[in-house]
Each structure stands twice: as C-alpha cells, then as structure tokens.
Amino acid sequence: MSGSWRPAGPEDAYALMVLERDANLVALAHVFPADRHPFPEDAVLARWALVLDDPEVTVEVVDGDRGLLAYAAWDHRTLRHLAVHPDAWRSGLGRAGADRAVAAIRAGGGAPHLWCLVENSRARGLYTHLGWVPTGVTREAEWPPHPIEMEYVHRS
C-alpha cells in the first residue's frame, strides 16, 4: 500500500495528534509507560497547531477509513515527524513518507537529517534500511521521562 498523500491543513491537527498517540502507545510503550507517563494529548495537539502554522514546514498525510494512516513533516533540513498507524505498519507508508521528505529536502539543497529515540528500535531499523546513518550526536527528548534521542543523516 503506497497511499495517496495530501497536504495537511489546520483542520488535521486533532487527527495528527490521534495518529501520533495511537502509534506511540504501541511502538513506545516501553519508553513512555502509560501508567507513569500518559500521552500528553493537549501539548501534542498544541505542537501540531504550531507545526501546521509554520510556513517553513511541509506536512503531508494519508487518509484511511477511520482516520489518518500516516504523516510526514519536514522543513528545509529535517524530517521532523513520521508516523504510520499500527494497522498499516509494513505497508510501505513509512518508506514513502521518509522518501518524500528526503526528496523535498534534497531538491531544496539541504542535507536531510532527523532525530530518533535510541529505544525506538522499529524506527531505527527503518531509517537504517532507508540509508540513514547515525551521526553520534545525542540529546534529551522533550517529553518526560526525557529519553535520549540520536541524530541521523541521510546518505545516498
């Protein structure tokens, strides 16, 4: 499944938050246990509103029958956000979203990079498979319990 990508608008903020929540509750339950670190819906919704309002950021989504199946968001240099609903994992949407971002960043003259949680082995495996390479740079993540993120650059 490759999906039909479309530009996201302000009306998609809530659906973006829902998809991020649904994907994270499955993929990152070991990092953000819901009983100790509930998903910060209000803060994530506010962040999506800011991202969608930023003229420097492109956000594209794939619609499904029950909500969004995937999103990819990037600026001139960074793949900022990429998620696929767990029901659509292994469908090619993650690859397609990352490829769209890389192509757009390169077309603008940028060298693509991203940040990924060290403990997000699923995403790290995808990125490695798609030609992303760790730089060795790390930082603390924004959300409690503030796990470590690592930087990747795309080489092709």
N, C-alpha and C. Protein backbone atom coordinates (compact mmCIF):
# COMPACT_ATOMS: atom_id res chain seq x y z
N MET A 1 0.85 -1.18 0.00
CA MET A 1 0.00 0.00 0.00
C MET A 1 0.89 1.23 0.00
N SER A 2 0.77 2.07 -1.00
CA SER A 2 1.57 3.28 -1.03
C SER A 2 0.79 4.47 -0.51
N GLY A 3 -0.54 4.47 -0.64
CA GLY A 3 -1.36 5.55 -0.11
C GLY A 3 -1.29 6.79 -0.97
N SER A 4 -2.30 7.60 -0.84
CA SER A 4 -2.36 8.86 -1.57
C SER A 4 -2.06 9.99 -0.59
N TRP A 5 -0.94 10.62 -0.76
CA TRP A 5 -0.51 11.69 0.14
C TRP A 5 -1.19 12.99 -0.26
N ARG A 6 -1.55 13.78 0.74
CA ARG A 6 -2.13 15.10 0.50
C ARG A 6 -1.56 16.08 1.53
N PRO A 7 -1.56 17.37 1.21
CA PRO A 7 -1.11 18.36 2.19
C PRO A 7 -2.07 18.40 3.38
N ALA A 8 -1.52 18.53 4.55
CA ALA A 8 -2.34 18.67 5.76
C ALA A 8 -2.62 20.15 5.99
N GLY A 9 -3.76 20.41 6.62
CA GLY A 9 -4.13 21.77 6.98
C GLY A 9 -4.47 21.86 8.46
N PRO A 10 -4.79 23.05 8.93
CA PRO A 10 -5.10 23.24 10.35
C PRO A 10 -6.21 22.31 10.85
N GLU A 11 -7.13 21.95 9.96
CA GLU A 11 -8.23 21.06 10.35
C GLU A 11 -7.75 19.64 10.66
N ASP A 12 -6.50 19.32 10.33
CA ASP A 12 -5.94 17.98 10.57
C ASP A 12 -5.21 17.86 11.91
N ALA A 13 -5.10 18.94 12.66
CA ALA A 13 -4.29 18.92 13.89
C ALA A 13 -4.74 17.81 14.85
N TYR A 14 -6.03 17.70 15.08
CA TYR A 14 -6.51 16.70 16.02
C TYR A 14 -6.22 15.29 15.50
N ALA A 15 -6.47 15.04 14.23
CA ALA A 15 -6.20 13.72 13.64
C ALA A 15 -4.71 13.39 13.68
N LEU A 16 -3.85 14.37 13.51
CA LEU A 16 -2.41 14.14 13.62
C LEU A 16 -2.04 13.72 15.04
N MET A 17 -2.62 14.41 16.03
CA MET A 17 -2.37 14.04 17.42
C MET A 17 -2.85 12.63 17.71
N VAL A 18 -4.03 12.26 17.20
CA VAL A 18 -4.58 10.93 17.43
C VAL A 18 -3.68 9.87 16.83
N LEU A 19 -3.22 10.08 15.61
CA LEU A 19 -2.32 9.12 14.98
C LEU A 19 -1.01 9.01 15.75
N GLU A 20 -0.44 10.13 16.15
CA GLU A 20 0.80 10.10 16.93
C GLU A 20 0.57 9.33 18.23
N ARG A 21 -0.54 9.58 18.90
CA ARG A 21 -0.85 8.87 20.14
C ARG A 21 -0.99 7.37 19.89
N ASP A 22 -1.78 7.00 18.89
CA ASP A 22 -2.03 5.59 18.62
C ASP A 22 -0.74 4.84 18.26
N ALA A 23 0.11 5.45 17.47
CA ALA A 23 1.38 4.82 17.11
C ALA A 23 2.31 4.72 18.31
N ASN A 24 2.38 5.79 19.09
CA ASN A 24 3.30 5.80 20.24
C ASN A 24 2.86 4.84 21.34
N LEU A 25 1.56 4.69 21.55
CA LEU A 25 1.10 3.78 22.60
C LEU A 25 1.48 2.33 22.31
N VAL A 26 1.68 2.01 21.04
CA VAL A 26 2.12 0.67 20.67
C VAL A 26 3.64 0.62 20.57
N ALA A 27 4.22 1.50 19.79
CA ALA A 27 5.65 1.42 19.49
C ALA A 27 6.54 1.85 20.65
N LEU A 28 6.04 2.73 21.50
CA LEU A 28 6.91 3.30 22.54
C LEU A 28 6.39 3.06 23.96
N ALA A 29 5.56 2.04 24.13
CA ALA A 29 5.02 1.73 25.46
C ALA A 29 6.14 1.43 26.46
N HIS A 30 7.24 0.86 25.99
CA HIS A 30 8.36 0.55 26.88
C HIS A 30 9.15 1.80 27.28
N VAL A 31 9.01 2.87 26.53
CA VAL A 31 9.72 4.12 26.81
C VAL A 31 8.85 5.06 27.63
N PHE A 32 7.57 5.13 27.26
CA PHE A 32 6.62 6.01 27.92
C PHE A 32 5.46 5.18 28.50
N PRO A 33 5.69 4.44 29.59
CA PRO A 33 4.60 3.63 30.16
C PRO A 33 3.40 4.51 30.50
N ALA A 34 2.23 4.15 29.97
CA ALA A 34 1.04 4.99 30.11
C ALA A 34 0.64 5.23 31.56
N ASP A 35 0.93 4.29 32.44
CA ASP A 35 0.56 4.49 33.84
C ASP A 35 1.43 5.53 34.53
N ARG A 36 2.63 5.75 34.04
CA ARG A 36 3.53 6.76 34.63
C ARG A 36 3.66 8.01 33.77
N HIS A 37 3.51 7.85 32.47
CA HIS A 37 3.68 8.97 31.54
C HIS A 37 2.55 8.95 30.51
N PRO A 38 1.36 9.39 30.91
CA PRO A 38 0.23 9.39 29.97
C PRO A 38 0.56 10.25 28.75
N PHE A 39 0.02 9.85 27.62
CA PHE A 39 0.28 10.61 26.40
C PHE A 39 -0.22 12.05 26.58
N PRO A 40 0.64 13.04 26.32
CA PRO A 40 0.29 14.46 26.56
C PRO A 40 -0.54 15.04 25.41
N GLU A 41 -1.80 14.61 25.32
CA GLU A 41 -2.66 14.99 24.19
C GLU A 41 -2.72 16.49 23.97
N ASP A 42 -2.96 17.27 25.02
CA ASP A 42 -3.11 18.72 24.85
C ASP A 42 -1.82 19.36 24.34
N ALA A 43 -0.69 18.95 24.90
CA ALA A 43 0.59 19.52 24.48
C ALA A 43 0.93 19.11 23.04
N VAL A 44 0.65 17.87 22.68
CA VAL A 44 0.94 17.41 21.32
C VAL A 44 0.01 18.10 20.32
N LEU A 45 -1.25 18.27 20.69
CA LEU A 45 -2.19 18.99 19.82
C LEU A 45 -1.72 20.43 19.61
N ALA A 46 -1.28 21.08 20.67
CA ALA A 46 -0.77 22.45 20.55
C ALA A 46 0.47 22.49 19.66
N ARG A 47 1.35 21.49 19.80
CA ARG A 47 2.54 21.44 18.95
C ARG A 47 2.14 21.27 17.48
N TRP A 48 1.17 20.39 17.19
CA TRP A 48 0.73 20.20 15.81
C TRP A 48 0.14 21.49 15.24
N ALA A 49 -0.60 22.24 16.05
CA ALA A 49 -1.15 23.52 15.58
C ALA A 49 -0.02 24.46 15.16
N LEU A 50 1.05 24.49 15.94
CA LEU A 50 2.21 25.34 15.61
C LEU A 50 2.92 24.84 14.36
N VAL A 51 3.10 23.53 14.26
CA VAL A 51 3.78 22.96 13.09
C VAL A 51 2.99 23.26 11.82
N LEU A 52 1.67 23.06 11.89
CA LEU A 52 0.83 23.31 10.70
C LEU A 52 0.79 24.78 10.32
N ASP A 53 1.04 25.66 11.26
CA ASP A 53 1.03 27.11 11.01
C ASP A 53 2.38 27.63 10.55
N ASP A 54 3.40 26.79 10.61
CA ASP A 54 4.77 27.21 10.27
C ASP A 54 4.96 27.12 8.75
N PRO A 55 5.18 28.24 8.07
CA PRO A 55 5.32 28.21 6.62
C PRO A 55 6.58 27.49 6.15
N GLU A 56 7.52 27.23 7.05
CA GLU A 56 8.76 26.53 6.70
C GLU A 56 8.60 25.01 6.74
N VAL A 57 7.45 24.53 7.24
CA VAL A 57 7.25 23.10 7.42
C VAL A 57 6.18 22.59 6.45
N THR A 58 6.49 21.47 5.82
CA THR A 58 5.53 20.76 4.98
C THR A 58 5.01 19.57 5.78
N VAL A 59 3.70 19.42 5.83
CA VAL A 59 3.08 18.26 6.49
C VAL A 59 2.17 17.61 5.46
N GLU A 60 2.41 16.32 5.24
CA GLU A 60 1.57 15.55 4.33
C GLU A 60 1.01 14.35 5.08
N VAL A 61 -0.20 13.94 4.69
CA VAL A 61 -0.89 12.85 5.38
C VAL A 61 -1.52 11.89 4.36
N VAL A 62 -1.82 10.70 4.85
CA VAL A 62 -2.58 9.70 4.08
C VAL A 62 -3.84 9.39 4.89
N ASP A 63 -4.98 9.55 4.26
CA ASP A 63 -6.26 9.27 4.92
C ASP A 63 -6.58 7.79 4.87
N GLY A 64 -7.25 7.32 5.91
CA GLY A 64 -7.77 5.96 5.95
C GLY A 64 -9.25 6.00 6.23
N ASP A 65 -9.86 4.85 6.32
CA ASP A 65 -11.30 4.77 6.58
C ASP A 65 -11.69 5.29 7.95
N ARG A 66 -10.77 5.15 8.94
CA ARG A 66 -11.10 5.53 10.31
C ARG A 66 -10.18 6.60 10.87
N GLY A 67 -9.56 7.36 10.01
CA GLY A 67 -8.64 8.40 10.45
C GLY A 67 -7.39 8.37 9.59
N LEU A 68 -6.38 9.09 10.03
CA LEU A 68 -5.13 9.14 9.27
C LEU A 68 -4.37 7.82 9.40
N LEU A 69 -3.78 7.41 8.28
CA LEU A 69 -2.92 6.22 8.27
C LEU A 69 -1.46 6.58 8.44
N ALA A 70 -1.07 7.76 7.98
CA ALA A 70 0.35 8.14 8.03
C ALA A 70 0.49 9.64 7.94
N TYR A 71 1.63 10.12 8.44
CA TYR A 71 2.02 11.52 8.22
C TYR A 71 3.52 11.61 8.11
N ALA A 72 3.96 12.64 7.42
CA ALA A 72 5.37 13.01 7.33
C ALA A 72 5.42 14.53 7.37
N ALA A 73 6.34 15.06 8.16
CA ALA A 73 6.51 16.51 8.27
C ALA A 73 7.99 16.83 8.20
N TRP A 74 8.33 17.84 7.40
CA TRP A 74 9.74 18.20 7.24
C TRP A 74 9.87 19.69 6.95
N ASP A 75 11.07 20.20 7.20
CA ASP A 75 11.42 21.56 6.81
C ASP A 75 12.57 21.47 5.81
N HIS A 76 13.31 22.54 5.64
CA HIS A 76 14.37 22.57 4.62
C HIS A 76 15.54 21.63 4.92
N ARG A 77 15.59 21.08 6.13
CA ARG A 77 16.74 20.26 6.53
C ARG A 77 16.36 19.00 7.30
N THR A 78 15.22 19.02 8.01
CA THR A 78 14.92 17.98 8.99
C THR A 78 13.61 17.25 8.70
N LEU A 79 13.68 15.93 8.71
CA LEU A 79 12.46 15.12 8.78
C LEU A 79 12.02 15.21 10.24
N ARG A 80 11.02 16.02 10.51
CA ARG A 80 10.61 16.32 11.88
C ARG A 80 9.73 15.26 12.50
N HIS A 81 8.79 14.74 11.71
CA HIS A 81 7.81 13.79 12.24
C HIS A 81 7.46 12.79 11.15
N LEU A 82 7.40 11.52 11.54
CA LEU A 82 6.98 10.45 10.64
C LEU A 82 6.26 9.41 11.48
N ALA A 83 5.06 9.05 11.08
CA ALA A 83 4.34 8.01 11.80
C ALA A 83 3.39 7.29 10.85
N VAL A 84 3.16 6.03 11.17
CA VAL A 84 2.21 5.19 10.46
C VAL A 84 1.35 4.51 11.53
N HIS A 85 0.05 4.46 11.28
CA HIS A 85 -0.84 3.79 12.22
C HIS A 85 -0.44 2.32 12.32
N PRO A 86 -0.46 1.74 13.53
CA PRO A 86 -0.07 0.33 13.67
C PRO A 86 -0.83 -0.62 12.74
N ASP A 87 -2.06 -0.31 12.40
CA ASP A 87 -2.81 -1.16 11.47
C ASP A 87 -2.22 -1.15 10.06
N ALA A 88 -1.39 -0.16 9.77
CA ALA A 88 -0.80 -0.03 8.43
C ALA A 88 0.72 -0.23 8.44
N TRP A 89 1.27 -0.71 9.56
CA TRP A 89 2.70 -1.00 9.59
C TRP A 89 3.03 -2.02 8.51
N ARG A 90 4.21 -1.90 7.96
CA ARG A 90 4.73 -2.80 6.92
C ARG A 90 3.96 -2.65 5.60
N SER A 91 3.32 -1.49 5.42
CA SER A 91 2.55 -1.24 4.21
C SER A 91 3.33 -0.44 3.17
N GLY A 92 4.49 0.09 3.57
CA GLY A 92 5.27 0.95 2.68
C GLY A 92 5.05 2.43 2.93
N LEU A 93 4.11 2.76 3.82
CA LEU A 93 3.84 4.18 4.07
C LEU A 93 4.98 4.88 4.80
N GLY A 94 5.66 4.19 5.71
CA GLY A 94 6.81 4.80 6.39
C GLY A 94 7.91 5.12 5.39
N ARG A 95 8.23 4.17 4.53
CA ARG A 95 9.23 4.39 3.48
C ARG A 95 8.81 5.55 2.58
N ALA A 96 7.54 5.53 2.16
CA ALA A 96 7.06 6.58 1.25
C ALA A 96 7.15 7.96 1.89
N GLY A 97 6.77 8.07 3.15
CA GLY A 97 6.84 9.36 3.84
C GLY A 97 8.27 9.85 3.97
N ALA A 98 9.16 8.96 4.39
CA ALA A 98 10.57 9.34 4.52
C ALA A 98 11.16 9.72 3.17
N ASP A 99 10.84 8.94 2.13
CA ASP A 99 11.35 9.24 0.79
C ASP A 99 10.86 10.59 0.29
N ARG A 100 9.61 10.93 0.58
CA ARG A 100 9.06 12.23 0.16
C ARG A 100 9.84 13.37 0.83
N ALA A 101 10.10 13.20 2.12
CA ALA A 101 10.83 14.24 2.84
C ALA A 101 12.25 14.37 2.31
N VAL A 102 12.95 13.25 2.13
CA VAL A 102 14.33 13.29 1.63
C VAL A 102 14.37 13.97 0.26
N ALA A 103 13.47 13.61 -0.63
CA ALA A 103 13.46 14.20 -1.97
C ALA A 103 13.23 15.71 -1.91
N ALA A 104 12.29 16.14 -1.07
CA ALA A 104 12.00 17.56 -0.96
C ALA A 104 13.16 18.33 -0.35
N ILE A 105 13.77 17.77 0.68
CA ILE A 105 14.91 18.44 1.33
C ILE A 105 16.07 18.54 0.36
N ARG A 106 16.37 17.47 -0.35
CA ARG A 106 17.46 17.49 -1.34
C ARG A 106 17.15 18.47 -2.48
N ALA A 107 15.90 18.50 -2.94
CA ALA A 107 15.51 19.42 -4.02
C ALA A 107 15.74 20.87 -3.61
N GLY A 108 15.62 21.14 -2.31
CA GLY A 108 15.87 22.49 -1.80
C GLY A 108 17.33 22.75 -1.47
N GLY A 109 18.19 21.77 -1.74
CA GLY A 109 19.62 21.95 -1.49
C GLY A 109 20.07 21.54 -0.11
N GLY A 110 19.19 20.95 0.68
CA GLY A 110 19.54 20.56 2.04
C GLY A 110 20.11 19.15 2.13
N ALA A 111 20.72 18.88 3.27
CA ALA A 111 21.21 17.54 3.61
C ALA A 111 20.29 17.01 4.70
N PRO A 112 19.44 16.03 4.38
CA PRO A 112 18.42 15.57 5.33
C PRO A 112 18.99 15.00 6.62
N HIS A 113 18.36 15.37 7.72
CA HIS A 113 18.67 14.75 9.00
C HIS A 113 17.41 14.60 9.81
N LEU A 114 17.49 13.81 10.88
CA LEU A 114 16.35 13.57 11.76
C LEU A 114 16.86 13.19 13.13
N TRP A 115 15.93 13.16 14.09
CA TRP A 115 16.18 12.70 15.45
C TRP A 115 15.26 11.53 15.74
N CYS A 116 15.78 10.51 16.40
CA CYS A 116 15.01 9.32 16.71
C CYS A 116 15.38 8.85 18.11
N LEU A 117 14.39 8.40 18.87
CA LEU A 117 14.69 7.87 20.19
C LEU A 117 15.59 6.65 20.08
N VAL A 118 16.62 6.60 20.91
CA VAL A 118 17.53 5.46 20.92
C VAL A 118 16.76 4.16 21.12
N GLU A 119 15.74 4.19 21.96
CA GLU A 119 14.97 2.99 22.29
C GLU A 119 13.85 2.68 21.30
N ASN A 120 13.76 3.43 20.21
CA ASN A 120 12.74 3.17 19.19
C ASN A 120 13.35 2.28 18.11
N SER A 121 13.52 1.02 18.44
CA SER A 121 14.22 0.10 17.54
C SER A 121 13.49 -0.09 16.21
N ARG A 122 12.18 -0.03 16.22
CA ARG A 122 11.41 -0.18 14.97
C ARG A 122 11.76 0.95 14.00
N ALA A 123 11.69 2.19 14.47
CA ALA A 123 12.01 3.34 13.61
C ALA A 123 13.48 3.33 13.21
N ARG A 124 14.36 3.02 14.14
CA ARG A 124 15.78 2.99 13.81
C ARG A 124 16.07 1.96 12.73
N GLY A 125 15.40 0.81 12.79
CA GLY A 125 15.59 -0.21 11.75
C GLY A 125 15.13 0.30 10.39
N LEU A 126 13.99 0.98 10.36
CA LEU A 126 13.50 1.55 9.10
C LEU A 126 14.49 2.57 8.55
N TYR A 127 14.92 3.49 9.40
CA TYR A 127 15.82 4.54 8.93
C TYR A 127 17.13 3.95 8.41
N THR A 128 17.69 3.00 9.11
CA THR A 128 18.92 2.36 8.65
C THR A 128 18.70 1.69 7.30
N HIS A 129 17.59 0.99 7.16
CA HIS A 129 17.25 0.33 5.90
C HIS A 129 17.13 1.33 4.75
N LEU A 130 16.69 2.55 5.05
CA LEU A 130 16.48 3.56 4.03
C LEU A 130 17.70 4.45 3.79
N GLY A 131 18.82 4.12 4.39
CA GLY A 131 20.05 4.86 4.11
C GLY A 131 20.39 5.97 5.08
N TRP A 132 19.74 5.99 6.22
CA TRP A 132 20.07 6.97 7.26
C TRP A 132 21.20 6.40 8.13
N VAL A 133 22.09 7.28 8.56
CA VAL A 133 23.26 6.87 9.33
C VAL A 133 23.36 7.73 10.60
N PRO A 134 23.59 7.11 11.76
CA PRO A 134 23.76 7.89 13.00
C PRO A 134 24.99 8.78 12.92
N THR A 135 24.87 9.99 13.47
CA THR A 135 26.00 10.93 13.49
C THR A 135 26.83 10.80 14.76
N GLY A 136 26.27 10.17 15.79
CA GLY A 136 26.94 10.10 17.09
C GLY A 136 26.50 11.21 18.03
N VAL A 137 25.67 12.13 17.53
CA VAL A 137 25.16 13.22 18.36
C VAL A 137 23.87 12.76 19.04
N THR A 138 23.76 13.05 20.34
CA THR A 138 22.56 12.70 21.09
C THR A 138 22.06 13.92 21.85
N ARG A 139 20.81 13.82 22.29
CA ARG A 139 20.22 14.88 23.12
C ARG A 139 19.07 14.26 23.91
N GLU A 140 18.62 14.99 24.91
CA GLU A 140 17.49 14.56 25.73
C GLU A 140 16.19 14.92 25.00
N ALA A 141 15.23 13.99 24.98
CA ALA A 141 13.95 14.23 24.34
C ALA A 141 13.10 15.22 25.15
N GLU A 142 12.15 15.81 24.46
CA GLU A 142 11.30 16.85 25.02
C GLU A 142 10.35 16.35 26.11
N TRP A 143 9.80 15.14 25.94
CA TRP A 143 8.75 14.66 26.82
C TRP A 143 9.30 13.78 27.95
N PRO A 144 8.74 13.91 29.18
CA PRO A 144 9.15 13.03 30.27
C PRO A 144 8.88 11.58 29.90
N PRO A 145 9.76 10.72 30.29
CA PRO A 145 10.91 10.82 31.19
C PRO A 145 12.19 11.29 30.50
N HIS A 146 12.09 11.97 29.39
CA HIS A 146 13.21 12.56 28.66
C HIS A 146 14.25 11.53 28.21
N PRO A 147 13.82 10.51 27.46
CA PRO A 147 14.78 9.54 26.95
C PRO A 147 15.73 10.19 25.95
N ILE A 148 16.76 9.48 25.60
CA ILE A 148 17.79 10.01 24.70
C ILE A 148 17.39 9.81 23.24
N GLU A 149 17.58 10.87 22.46
CA GLU A 149 17.39 10.83 21.01
C GLU A 149 18.75 10.83 20.35
N MET A 150 18.82 10.23 19.17
CA MET A 150 20.06 10.26 18.41
C MET A 150 19.79 10.86 17.04
N GLU A 151 20.79 11.57 16.54
CA GLU A 151 20.67 12.21 15.23
C GLU A 151 21.10 11.26 14.13
N TYR A 152 20.39 11.33 12.99
CA TYR A 152 20.73 10.59 11.79
C TYR A 152 20.87 11.57 10.63
N VAL A 153 21.70 11.24 9.66
CA VAL A 153 21.76 11.96 8.39
C VAL A 153 21.50 10.94 7.29
N HIS A 154 20.97 11.44 6.18
CA HIS A 154 20.67 10.55 5.06
C HIS A 154 21.85 10.55 4.10
N ARG A 155 22.31 9.37 3.75
CA ARG A 155 23.40 9.22 2.80
C ARG A 155 22.89 8.40 1.64
N SER A 156 23.03 8.92 0.44
CA SER A 156 22.66 8.14 -0.74
C SER A 156 23.42 8.61 -1.95
